[in-house]
Amino acid sequence: MTSQKRRTKEIFMTPTTSEQSLSYLRNVTVAFVSQICYLRKLFPDDTFDTRTIDSLQIRSFKKDKTNAQLSDILKALSIGIEKSAIESITLNIMADEEILESYTISIKDMRDSVNKDHLRSSVEKLFENLDRAVEGLDKVPNNSCIFFNVASEKDKWGSQDSFTETKKRKYQLQKYKIGKLNTGFHAADFTYRK
């Protein structure tokens, strides 16, 4: 089995354990962040690989093209998700000391039954909604930067040097829902503000 097929299967496998559910959410979260960075042209096109999953084209960061700091942040976020320590992750796009737009993934534990087709459909809808959400946004200025806010349970996560946890903030931006996932063990809400 090729690496591409294995990754495709892995993203859409139906989790049967809490650990598989967290791995699933990690994969979707990293893909979501990568897709935002690609769609908003925050990094050059050659920073991304294209993965086709059914009718979707999802961009993912190339390991050799991602800068070290972003790579460390994504790794730290992945560890936090796998330890079930992260409550929310917010990717903020900022210019001239003003937040232009913000994308949040809120994760919580839950126990519920899940249908494989429904879960797959939810992921497809999530990425389709993200594409539509950013379609009409103004171009991000050249002087923009990104930063992450993370709300976590420190006792589960331990120390992380890649970034610091920040307090939840209230934004003066309108909030929109992009999608929701239910893995049977965890739920994740995906929203953005502009």
N, C-alpha and C. Protein backbone atom coordinates (compact mmCIF):
# COMPACT_ATOMS: atom_id res chain seq x y z
N MET A 1 0.85 -1.19 0.00
CA MET A 1 0.00 0.00 0.00
C MET A 1 0.89 1.24 0.00
N THR A 2 0.60 2.19 -0.85
CA THR A 2 1.40 3.40 -0.92
C THR A 2 1.14 4.28 0.29
N SER A 3 2.10 5.16 0.53
CA SER A 3 1.97 6.09 1.65
C SER A 3 0.72 6.95 1.49
N GLN A 4 0.43 7.40 0.26
CA GLN A 4 -0.76 8.22 -0.01
C GLN A 4 -2.03 7.48 0.37
N LYS A 5 -2.15 6.22 -0.07
CA LYS A 5 -3.35 5.45 0.23
C LYS A 5 -3.47 5.20 1.72
N ARG A 6 -2.34 4.94 2.39
CA ARG A 6 -2.36 4.68 3.82
C ARG A 6 -2.84 5.93 4.56
N ARG A 7 -2.35 7.12 4.18
CA ARG A 7 -2.77 8.36 4.84
C ARG A 7 -4.25 8.63 4.60
N THR A 8 -4.72 8.37 3.39
CA THR A 8 -6.13 8.57 3.08
C THR A 8 -6.98 7.67 3.95
N LYS A 9 -6.62 6.41 4.02
CA LYS A 9 -7.37 5.46 4.82
C LYS A 9 -7.33 5.85 6.30
N GLU A 10 -6.16 6.31 6.76
CA GLU A 10 -6.00 6.67 8.16
C GLU A 10 -6.91 7.84 8.55
N ILE A 11 -7.01 8.85 7.68
CA ILE A 11 -7.84 10.00 8.02
C ILE A 11 -9.30 9.59 8.14
N PHE A 12 -9.75 8.66 7.30
CA PHE A 12 -11.16 8.31 7.28
C PHE A 12 -11.50 7.01 7.99
N MET A 13 -10.55 6.42 8.73
CA MET A 13 -10.90 5.23 9.48
C MET A 13 -11.88 5.62 10.59
N THR A 14 -12.79 4.74 10.92
CA THR A 14 -13.71 5.03 12.01
C THR A 14 -13.05 4.61 13.31
N PRO A 15 -12.84 5.56 14.23
CA PRO A 15 -12.17 5.23 15.48
C PRO A 15 -12.99 4.24 16.30
N THR A 16 -12.30 3.24 16.85
CA THR A 16 -12.97 2.27 17.71
C THR A 16 -12.48 2.37 19.15
N THR A 17 -11.46 3.22 19.38
CA THR A 17 -10.96 3.46 20.73
C THR A 17 -10.76 4.96 20.91
N SER A 18 -10.62 5.37 22.15
CA SER A 18 -10.37 6.78 22.44
C SER A 18 -9.04 7.23 21.84
N GLU A 19 -8.03 6.37 21.88
CA GLU A 19 -6.72 6.70 21.32
C GLU A 19 -6.81 6.92 19.80
N GLN A 20 -7.55 6.05 19.12
CA GLN A 20 -7.73 6.22 17.67
C GLN A 20 -8.50 7.51 17.37
N SER A 21 -9.45 7.83 18.22
CA SER A 21 -10.22 9.06 18.06
C SER A 21 -9.31 10.28 18.16
N LEU A 22 -8.39 10.27 19.12
CA LEU A 22 -7.47 11.39 19.28
C LEU A 22 -6.51 11.48 18.10
N SER A 23 -6.06 10.35 17.58
CA SER A 23 -5.20 10.36 16.38
C SER A 23 -5.96 10.92 15.19
N TYR A 24 -7.23 10.54 15.08
CA TYR A 24 -8.09 11.03 14.00
C TYR A 24 -8.22 12.55 14.09
N LEU A 25 -8.51 13.05 15.31
CA LEU A 25 -8.65 14.50 15.50
C LEU A 25 -7.32 15.21 15.23
N ARG A 26 -6.21 14.60 15.61
CA ARG A 26 -4.89 15.19 15.32
C ARG A 26 -4.72 15.35 13.82
N ASN A 27 -5.01 14.29 13.05
CA ASN A 27 -4.85 14.34 11.60
C ASN A 27 -5.74 15.40 10.97
N VAL A 28 -6.99 15.45 11.40
CA VAL A 28 -7.93 16.44 10.85
C VAL A 28 -7.49 17.85 11.23
N THR A 29 -7.02 18.05 12.46
CA THR A 29 -6.58 19.36 12.92
C THR A 29 -5.39 19.87 12.12
N VAL A 30 -4.38 19.02 11.93
CA VAL A 30 -3.20 19.43 11.17
C VAL A 30 -3.59 19.72 9.72
N ALA A 31 -4.47 18.90 9.15
CA ALA A 31 -4.93 19.14 7.78
C ALA A 31 -5.72 20.45 7.71
N PHE A 32 -6.54 20.74 8.71
CA PHE A 32 -7.33 21.96 8.77
C PHE A 32 -6.42 23.19 8.81
N VAL A 33 -5.42 23.16 9.70
CA VAL A 33 -4.48 24.29 9.81
C VAL A 33 -3.71 24.46 8.50
N SER A 34 -3.26 23.35 7.92
CA SER A 34 -2.53 23.42 6.65
C SER A 34 -3.40 24.03 5.55
N GLN A 35 -4.65 23.60 5.50
CA GLN A 35 -5.56 24.09 4.47
C GLN A 35 -5.82 25.59 4.62
N ILE A 36 -5.97 26.04 5.85
CA ILE A 36 -6.15 27.48 6.10
C ILE A 36 -4.94 28.25 5.59
N CYS A 37 -3.76 27.78 5.96
CA CYS A 37 -2.53 28.47 5.54
C CYS A 37 -2.39 28.49 4.03
N TYR A 38 -2.80 27.41 3.37
CA TYR A 38 -2.75 27.37 1.91
C TYR A 38 -3.78 28.33 1.30
N LEU A 39 -5.03 28.22 1.74
CA LEU A 39 -6.10 29.03 1.15
C LEU A 39 -5.86 30.52 1.35
N ARG A 40 -5.29 30.88 2.50
CA ARG A 40 -5.05 32.29 2.79
C ARG A 40 -3.69 32.76 2.28
N LYS A 41 -2.96 31.85 1.61
CA LYS A 41 -1.66 32.16 1.00
C LYS A 41 -0.68 32.75 2.01
N LEU A 42 -0.63 32.10 3.17
CA LEU A 42 0.27 32.54 4.23
C LEU A 42 1.70 32.05 4.02
N PHE A 43 1.85 31.03 3.18
CA PHE A 43 3.16 30.47 2.84
C PHE A 43 3.18 30.24 1.34
N PRO A 44 4.37 30.17 0.75
CA PRO A 44 4.45 29.90 -0.70
C PRO A 44 3.83 28.55 -1.06
N ASP A 45 3.32 28.44 -2.28
CA ASP A 45 2.66 27.20 -2.74
C ASP A 45 3.54 25.97 -2.61
N ASP A 46 4.86 26.15 -2.80
CA ASP A 46 5.74 24.98 -2.74
C ASP A 46 5.95 24.46 -1.31
N THR A 47 5.32 25.10 -0.33
CA THR A 47 5.35 24.64 1.06
C THR A 47 4.39 23.46 1.27
N PHE A 48 3.48 23.24 0.31
CA PHE A 48 2.40 22.29 0.49
C PHE A 48 2.43 21.13 -0.50
N ASP A 49 1.99 19.98 -0.03
CA ASP A 49 1.67 18.83 -0.87
C ASP A 49 0.16 18.84 -1.07
N THR A 50 -0.30 18.26 -2.16
CA THR A 50 -1.74 18.11 -2.39
C THR A 50 -2.11 16.66 -2.16
N ARG A 51 -3.10 16.44 -1.33
CA ARG A 51 -3.62 15.10 -1.09
C ARG A 51 -5.06 15.07 -1.58
N THR A 52 -5.37 14.13 -2.42
CA THR A 52 -6.73 13.99 -2.92
C THR A 52 -7.41 12.87 -2.15
N ILE A 53 -8.51 13.20 -1.52
CA ILE A 53 -9.28 12.23 -0.76
C ILE A 53 -10.71 12.30 -1.30
N ASP A 54 -11.09 11.27 -2.02
CA ASP A 54 -12.35 11.28 -2.76
C ASP A 54 -12.35 12.50 -3.68
N SER A 55 -13.33 13.38 -3.51
CA SER A 55 -13.40 14.56 -4.38
C SER A 55 -12.67 15.76 -3.78
N LEU A 56 -12.12 15.62 -2.59
CA LEU A 56 -11.45 16.73 -1.92
C LEU A 56 -9.98 16.82 -2.26
N GLN A 57 -9.48 18.03 -2.38
CA GLN A 57 -8.05 18.25 -2.46
C GLN A 57 -7.65 19.01 -1.21
N ILE A 58 -6.88 18.35 -0.37
CA ILE A 58 -6.45 18.94 0.89
C ILE A 58 -4.95 19.19 0.81
N ARG A 59 -4.54 20.39 1.23
CA ARG A 59 -3.13 20.73 1.23
C ARG A 59 -2.56 20.37 2.59
N SER A 60 -1.36 19.82 2.59
CA SER A 60 -0.66 19.53 3.84
C SER A 60 0.75 20.07 3.72
N PHE A 61 1.31 20.47 4.84
CA PHE A 61 2.65 21.01 4.84
C PHE A 61 3.65 19.93 4.45
N LYS A 62 4.58 20.28 3.57
CA LYS A 62 5.70 19.39 3.26
C LYS A 62 6.67 19.45 4.43
N LYS A 63 7.11 18.32 4.88
CA LYS A 63 8.02 18.31 6.03
C LYS A 63 9.30 19.07 5.76
N ASP A 64 9.84 18.96 4.56
CA ASP A 64 11.11 19.61 4.26
C ASP A 64 10.96 21.09 3.90
N LYS A 65 9.75 21.57 3.71
CA LYS A 65 9.53 22.97 3.32
C LYS A 65 8.93 23.82 4.45
N THR A 66 8.50 23.18 5.53
CA THR A 66 7.88 23.90 6.64
C THR A 66 8.97 24.47 7.53
N ASN A 67 8.84 25.74 7.90
CA ASN A 67 9.88 26.31 8.75
C ASN A 67 9.88 25.62 10.11
N ALA A 68 11.02 25.64 10.77
CA ALA A 68 11.23 24.88 12.00
C ALA A 68 10.25 25.28 13.10
N GLN A 69 9.98 26.56 13.24
CA GLN A 69 9.09 27.01 14.30
C GLN A 69 7.67 26.49 14.10
N LEU A 70 7.15 26.60 12.87
CA LEU A 70 5.80 26.09 12.59
C LEU A 70 5.76 24.57 12.77
N SER A 71 6.79 23.91 12.32
CA SER A 71 6.87 22.45 12.46
C SER A 71 6.83 22.06 13.94
N ASP A 72 7.57 22.80 14.78
CA ASP A 72 7.57 22.52 16.23
C ASP A 72 6.20 22.79 16.85
N ILE A 73 5.53 23.84 16.39
CA ILE A 73 4.20 24.15 16.92
C ILE A 73 3.22 23.04 16.55
N LEU A 74 3.23 22.61 15.29
CA LEU A 74 2.32 21.54 14.87
C LEU A 74 2.60 20.25 15.62
N LYS A 75 3.86 19.97 15.87
CA LYS A 75 4.23 18.77 16.64
C LYS A 75 3.72 18.88 18.08
N ALA A 76 3.90 20.04 18.69
CA ALA A 76 3.43 20.24 20.06
C ALA A 76 1.90 20.14 20.14
N LEU A 77 1.21 20.73 19.16
CA LEU A 77 -0.25 20.63 19.13
C LEU A 77 -0.68 19.17 18.98
N SER A 78 0.00 18.43 18.13
CA SER A 78 -0.31 17.01 17.93
C SER A 78 -0.15 16.23 19.23
N ILE A 79 0.93 16.50 19.95
CA ILE A 79 1.15 15.83 21.24
C ILE A 79 0.04 16.19 22.22
N GLY A 80 -0.32 17.46 22.26
CA GLY A 80 -1.39 17.90 23.16
C GLY A 80 -2.72 17.24 22.85
N ILE A 81 -3.03 17.11 21.57
CA ILE A 81 -4.28 16.44 21.17
C ILE A 81 -4.22 14.96 21.54
N GLU A 82 -3.11 14.30 21.25
CA GLU A 82 -2.99 12.87 21.55
C GLU A 82 -3.07 12.58 23.04
N LYS A 83 -2.69 13.54 23.88
CA LYS A 83 -2.78 13.37 25.33
C LYS A 83 -4.13 13.84 25.87
N SER A 84 -5.03 14.20 24.97
CA SER A 84 -6.36 14.69 25.35
C SER A 84 -6.27 15.89 26.29
N ALA A 85 -5.27 16.73 26.06
CA ALA A 85 -5.02 17.86 26.95
C ALA A 85 -5.50 19.19 26.39
N ILE A 86 -5.78 19.25 25.10
CA ILE A 86 -6.16 20.52 24.48
C ILE A 86 -7.67 20.67 24.45
N GLU A 87 -8.13 21.81 24.93
CA GLU A 87 -9.55 22.13 24.89
C GLU A 87 -9.88 22.93 23.63
N SER A 88 -8.96 23.82 23.23
CA SER A 88 -9.17 24.58 22.00
C SER A 88 -7.85 25.07 21.44
N ILE A 89 -7.85 25.19 20.12
CA ILE A 89 -6.70 25.74 19.38
C ILE A 89 -7.27 26.84 18.49
N THR A 90 -6.65 28.00 18.53
CA THR A 90 -7.07 29.09 17.67
C THR A 90 -5.89 29.57 16.85
N LEU A 91 -6.06 29.56 15.54
CA LEU A 91 -5.08 30.12 14.61
C LEU A 91 -5.57 31.52 14.27
N ASN A 92 -4.76 32.51 14.60
CA ASN A 92 -5.09 33.91 14.34
C ASN A 92 -4.21 34.45 13.23
N ILE A 93 -4.81 35.21 12.35
CA ILE A 93 -4.07 35.91 11.31
C ILE A 93 -4.13 37.39 11.67
N MET A 94 -2.96 38.00 11.74
CA MET A 94 -2.87 39.34 12.29
C MET A 94 -2.04 40.23 11.36
N ALA A 95 -2.39 41.50 11.29
CA ALA A 95 -1.60 42.51 10.57
C ALA A 95 -1.75 43.83 11.31
N ASP A 96 -0.66 44.57 11.40
CA ASP A 96 -0.67 45.87 12.08
C ASP A 96 -1.29 45.78 13.47
N GLU A 97 -0.92 44.75 14.21
CA GLU A 97 -1.38 44.53 15.58
C GLU A 97 -2.89 44.36 15.71
N GLU A 98 -3.54 43.94 14.64
CA GLU A 98 -4.98 43.70 14.63
C GLU A 98 -5.27 42.30 14.11
N ILE A 99 -6.15 41.59 14.81
CA ILE A 99 -6.54 40.26 14.33
C ILE A 99 -7.52 40.45 13.19
N LEU A 100 -7.16 39.91 12.02
CA LEU A 100 -8.00 40.02 10.83
C LEU A 100 -9.02 38.89 10.77
N GLU A 101 -8.58 37.70 11.12
CA GLU A 101 -9.45 36.53 11.13
C GLU A 101 -8.88 35.50 12.08
N SER A 102 -9.75 34.62 12.52
CA SER A 102 -9.40 33.67 13.57
C SER A 102 -10.15 32.36 13.33
N TYR A 103 -9.44 31.24 13.46
CA TYR A 103 -10.04 29.91 13.22
C TYR A 103 -9.85 29.08 14.49
N THR A 104 -10.92 28.54 15.03
CA THR A 104 -10.86 27.82 16.31
C THR A 104 -11.37 26.39 16.17
N ILE A 105 -10.65 25.49 16.82
CA ILE A 105 -11.06 24.09 16.94
C ILE A 105 -11.25 23.84 18.43
N SER A 106 -12.47 23.53 18.84
CA SER A 106 -12.78 23.23 20.24
C SER A 106 -13.03 21.74 20.36
N ILE A 107 -12.33 21.09 21.30
CA ILE A 107 -12.39 19.64 21.44
C ILE A 107 -12.91 19.29 22.82
N LYS A 108 -13.81 18.31 22.88
CA LYS A 108 -14.29 17.83 24.18
C LYS A 108 -14.51 16.33 24.13
N ASP A 109 -14.41 15.72 25.29
CA ASP A 109 -14.68 14.28 25.41
C ASP A 109 -16.17 14.05 25.32
N MET A 110 -16.55 12.94 24.74
CA MET A 110 -17.96 12.54 24.70
C MET A 110 -18.04 11.06 24.39
N ARG A 111 -19.13 10.44 24.70
CA ARG A 111 -19.37 9.05 24.33
C ARG A 111 -20.67 9.01 23.55
N ASP A 112 -20.57 8.56 22.31
CA ASP A 112 -21.72 8.53 21.44
C ASP A 112 -21.44 7.51 20.33
N SER A 113 -22.46 7.01 19.74
CA SER A 113 -22.24 6.11 18.60
C SER A 113 -21.92 6.96 17.37
N VAL A 114 -21.15 6.39 16.46
CA VAL A 114 -20.78 7.12 15.26
C VAL A 114 -20.89 6.19 14.06
N ASN A 115 -21.39 6.73 12.99
CA ASN A 115 -21.53 6.01 11.73
C ASN A 115 -20.37 6.42 10.83
N LYS A 116 -19.68 5.42 10.27
CA LYS A 116 -18.51 5.68 9.43
C LYS A 116 -18.84 6.65 8.29
N ASP A 117 -19.96 6.44 7.62
CA ASP A 117 -20.33 7.31 6.50
C ASP A 117 -20.63 8.73 6.96
N HIS A 118 -21.27 8.85 8.13
CA HIS A 118 -21.57 10.18 8.67
C HIS A 118 -20.28 10.92 9.03
N LEU A 119 -19.34 10.20 9.64
CA LEU A 119 -18.07 10.82 10.02
C LEU A 119 -17.31 11.28 8.77
N ARG A 120 -17.25 10.43 7.78
CA ARG A 120 -16.57 10.77 6.52
C ARG A 120 -17.24 11.99 5.86
N SER A 121 -18.55 11.98 5.84
CA SER A 121 -19.31 13.09 5.28
C SER A 121 -19.04 14.39 6.05
N SER A 122 -18.93 14.29 7.37
CA SER A 122 -18.66 15.47 8.20
C SER A 122 -17.31 16.07 7.87
N VAL A 123 -16.30 15.22 7.64
CA VAL A 123 -14.97 15.71 7.29
C VAL A 123 -15.00 16.39 5.92
N GLU A 124 -15.66 15.75 4.96
CA GLU A 124 -15.76 16.35 3.62
C GLU A 124 -16.46 17.70 3.69
N LYS A 125 -17.56 17.76 4.44
CA LYS A 125 -18.32 19.01 4.57
C LYS A 125 -17.48 20.08 5.27
N LEU A 126 -16.70 19.69 6.26
CA LEU A 126 -15.83 20.62 6.98
C LEU A 126 -14.88 21.33 6.02
N PHE A 127 -14.21 20.56 5.17
CA PHE A 127 -13.25 21.17 4.25
C PHE A 127 -13.94 21.94 3.12
N GLU A 128 -15.08 21.48 2.68
CA GLU A 128 -15.85 22.24 1.68
C GLU A 128 -16.32 23.56 2.27
N ASN A 129 -16.79 23.55 3.52
CA ASN A 129 -17.23 24.78 4.18
C ASN A 129 -16.08 25.74 4.41
N LEU A 130 -14.91 25.20 4.75
CA LEU A 130 -13.73 26.05 4.92
C LEU A 130 -13.38 26.74 3.61
N ASP A 131 -13.37 25.98 2.53
CA ASP A 131 -13.09 26.57 1.21
C ASP A 131 -14.06 27.71 0.90
N ARG A 132 -15.36 27.47 1.14
CA ARG A 132 -16.38 28.49 0.87
C ARG A 132 -16.22 29.69 1.80
N ALA A 133 -15.86 29.43 3.06
CA ALA A 133 -15.74 30.51 4.05
C ALA A 133 -14.65 31.51 3.68
N VAL A 134 -13.54 31.04 3.17
CA VAL A 134 -12.44 31.95 2.87
C VAL A 134 -12.49 32.51 1.45
N GLU A 135 -13.35 31.93 0.64
CA GLU A 135 -13.46 32.33 -0.77
C GLU A 135 -13.64 33.84 -0.95
N GLY A 136 -14.50 34.45 -0.19
CA GLY A 136 -14.81 35.86 -0.38
C GLY A 136 -14.01 36.81 0.50
N LEU A 137 -13.05 36.29 1.26
CA LEU A 137 -12.28 37.16 2.14
C LEU A 137 -11.25 37.96 1.36
N ASP A 138 -10.96 39.14 1.86
CA ASP A 138 -9.91 39.96 1.26
C ASP A 138 -8.57 39.25 1.36
N LYS A 139 -7.68 39.59 0.45
CA LYS A 139 -6.33 39.03 0.47
C LYS A 139 -5.65 39.43 1.78
N VAL A 140 -4.89 38.50 2.34
CA VAL A 140 -4.15 38.78 3.57
C VAL A 140 -2.97 39.70 3.21
N PRO A 141 -2.79 40.79 3.96
CA PRO A 141 -1.68 41.71 3.65
C PRO A 141 -0.31 41.02 3.76
N ASN A 142 0.65 41.54 3.03
CA ASN A 142 2.00 40.97 3.04
C ASN A 142 2.67 41.04 4.41
N ASN A 143 2.28 42.01 5.22
CA ASN A 143 2.91 42.18 6.54
C ASN A 143 2.19 41.36 7.62
N SER A 144 1.39 40.39 7.23
CA SER A 144 0.64 39.62 8.20
C SER A 144 1.51 38.55 8.88
N CYS A 145 1.01 38.07 10.01
CA CYS A 145 1.67 36.98 10.71
C CYS A 145 0.58 36.10 11.32
N ILE A 146 0.98 34.93 11.75
CA ILE A 146 0.02 34.04 12.42
C ILE A 146 0.51 33.78 13.84
N PHE A 147 -0.45 33.53 14.72
CA PHE A 147 -0.09 33.05 16.05
C PHE A 147 -1.22 32.17 16.55
N PHE A 148 -0.87 31.32 17.47
CA PHE A 148 -1.82 30.34 18.01
C PHE A 148 -2.16 30.68 19.45
N ASN A 149 -3.42 30.53 19.81
CA ASN A 149 -3.87 30.53 21.20
C ASN A 149 -4.27 29.11 21.52
N VAL A 150 -3.89 28.62 22.67
CA VAL A 150 -4.22 27.26 23.07
C VAL A 150 -4.76 27.27 24.49
N ALA A 151 -5.91 26.64 24.67
CA ALA A 151 -6.45 26.41 26.01
C ALA A 151 -6.27 24.93 26.29
N SER A 152 -5.64 24.62 27.42
CA SER A 152 -5.32 23.22 27.67
C SER A 152 -5.44 22.88 29.15
N GLU A 153 -5.41 21.58 29.40
CA GLU A 153 -5.32 21.07 30.75
C GLU A 153 -3.86 20.76 31.00
N LYS A 154 -3.17 21.65 31.70
CA LYS A 154 -1.72 21.53 31.87
C LYS A 154 -1.30 20.22 32.52
N ASP A 155 -2.09 19.71 33.46
CA ASP A 155 -1.68 18.51 34.16
C ASP A 155 -1.61 17.29 33.22
N LYS A 156 -2.37 17.29 32.14
CA LYS A 156 -2.31 16.20 31.17
C LYS A 156 -1.19 16.38 30.17
N TRP A 157 -0.84 17.62 29.88
CA TRP A 157 0.06 17.93 28.79
C TRP A 157 1.52 17.95 29.22
N GLY A 158 1.79 18.49 30.39
CA GLY A 158 3.19 18.67 30.79
C GLY A 158 3.73 19.94 30.17
N SER A 159 5.03 20.12 30.26
CA SER A 159 5.61 21.37 29.74
C SER A 159 5.85 21.27 28.24
N GLN A 160 5.65 22.38 27.57
CA GLN A 160 5.90 22.50 26.13
C GLN A 160 6.64 23.80 25.93
N ASP A 161 7.73 23.75 25.17
CA ASP A 161 8.53 24.95 24.94
C ASP A 161 8.18 25.68 23.64
N SER A 162 7.39 25.05 22.77
CA SER A 162 7.16 25.62 21.44
C SER A 162 6.31 26.88 21.46
N PHE A 163 5.41 26.98 22.38
CA PHE A 163 4.58 28.17 22.49
C PHE A 163 3.98 28.20 23.88
N THR A 164 3.42 29.32 24.25
CA THR A 164 2.85 29.42 25.58
C THR A 164 1.34 29.39 25.49
N GLU A 165 0.75 28.86 26.51
CA GLU A 165 -0.70 28.83 26.59
C GLU A 165 -1.19 30.26 26.84
N THR A 166 -2.29 30.61 26.25
CA THR A 166 -2.82 31.95 26.43
C THR A 166 -4.23 31.87 26.98
N LYS A 167 -4.64 32.94 27.62
CA LYS A 167 -6.00 32.99 28.14
C LYS A 167 -6.98 33.17 26.99
N LYS A 168 -8.20 32.69 27.22
CA LYS A 168 -9.23 32.88 26.20
C LYS A 168 -9.52 34.38 26.08
N ARG A 169 -9.67 34.83 24.84
CA ARG A 169 -9.92 36.25 24.59
C ARG A 169 -11.26 36.42 23.91
N LYS A 170 -11.84 37.58 24.11
CA LYS A 170 -13.05 37.93 23.36
C LYS A 170 -12.61 38.77 22.18
N TYR A 171 -13.15 38.43 21.03
CA TYR A 171 -12.78 39.12 19.80
C TYR A 171 -13.93 40.02 19.35
N GLN A 172 -13.58 41.07 18.66
CA GLN A 172 -14.57 41.97 18.08
C GLN A 172 -14.90 41.53 16.66
N LEU A 173 -14.86 40.25 16.41
CA LEU A 173 -15.11 39.69 15.09
C LEU A 173 -16.38 38.85 15.12
N GLN A 174 -17.07 38.76 14.01
CA GLN A 174 -18.28 37.95 13.90
C GLN A 174 -17.90 36.48 13.82
N LYS A 175 -18.61 35.62 14.57
CA LYS A 175 -18.30 34.19 14.62
C LYS A 175 -19.20 33.42 13.66
N TYR A 176 -18.58 32.46 12.92
CA TYR A 176 -19.29 31.61 11.98
C TYR A 176 -18.90 30.16 12.22
N LYS A 177 -19.84 29.26 12.04
CA LYS A 177 -19.57 27.84 12.21
C LYS A 177 -19.12 27.25 10.88
N ILE A 178 -18.06 26.45 10.91
CA ILE A 178 -17.57 25.78 9.71
C ILE A 178 -18.02 24.33 9.69
N GLY A 179 -17.93 23.67 10.83
CA GLY A 179 -18.34 22.27 10.87
C GLY A 179 -18.17 21.66 12.25
N LYS A 180 -18.59 20.42 12.35
CA LYS A 180 -18.54 19.69 13.62
C LYS A 180 -18.22 18.24 13.31
N LEU A 181 -17.38 17.63 14.15
CA LEU A 181 -17.07 16.21 14.02
C LEU A 181 -17.43 15.49 15.30
N ASN A 182 -17.94 14.29 15.17
CA ASN A 182 -18.20 13.41 16.30
C ASN A 182 -17.55 12.08 15.97
N THR A 183 -16.49 11.74 16.70
CA THR A 183 -15.77 10.48 16.44
C THR A 183 -16.33 9.32 17.24
N GLY A 184 -17.28 9.60 18.11
CA GLY A 184 -17.79 8.57 19.01
C GLY A 184 -17.15 8.67 20.38
N PHE A 185 -15.96 9.24 20.45
CA PHE A 185 -15.24 9.42 21.71
C PHE A 185 -14.96 10.89 22.01
N HIS A 186 -14.89 11.69 20.96
CA HIS A 186 -14.61 13.12 21.09
C HIS A 186 -15.44 13.89 20.08
N ALA A 187 -15.71 15.14 20.43
CA ALA A 187 -16.41 16.03 19.52
C ALA A 187 -15.51 17.24 19.28
N ALA A 188 -15.55 17.77 18.07
CA ALA A 188 -14.77 18.96 17.75
C ALA A 188 -15.65 19.91 16.96
N ASP A 189 -15.66 21.16 17.39
CA ASP A 189 -16.35 22.22 16.68
C ASP A 189 -15.31 23.09 15.97
N PHE A 190 -15.58 23.43 14.73
CA PHE A 190 -14.67 24.25 13.93
C PHE A 190 -15.40 25.54 13.59
N THR A 191 -14.82 26.67 14.01
CA THR A 191 -15.45 27.97 13.77
C THR A 191 -14.40 28.95 13.25
N TYR A 192 -14.89 30.04 12.69
CA TYR A 192 -13.98 31.14 12.34
C TYR A 192 -14.66 32.46 12.64
N ARG A 193 -13.82 33.46 12.81
CA ARG A 193 -14.30 34.82 13.06
C ARG A 193 -13.62 35.73 12.06
N LYS A 194 -14.41 36.67 11.55
CA LYS A 194 -13.84 37.66 10.63
C LYS A 194 -14.46 39.02 10.89
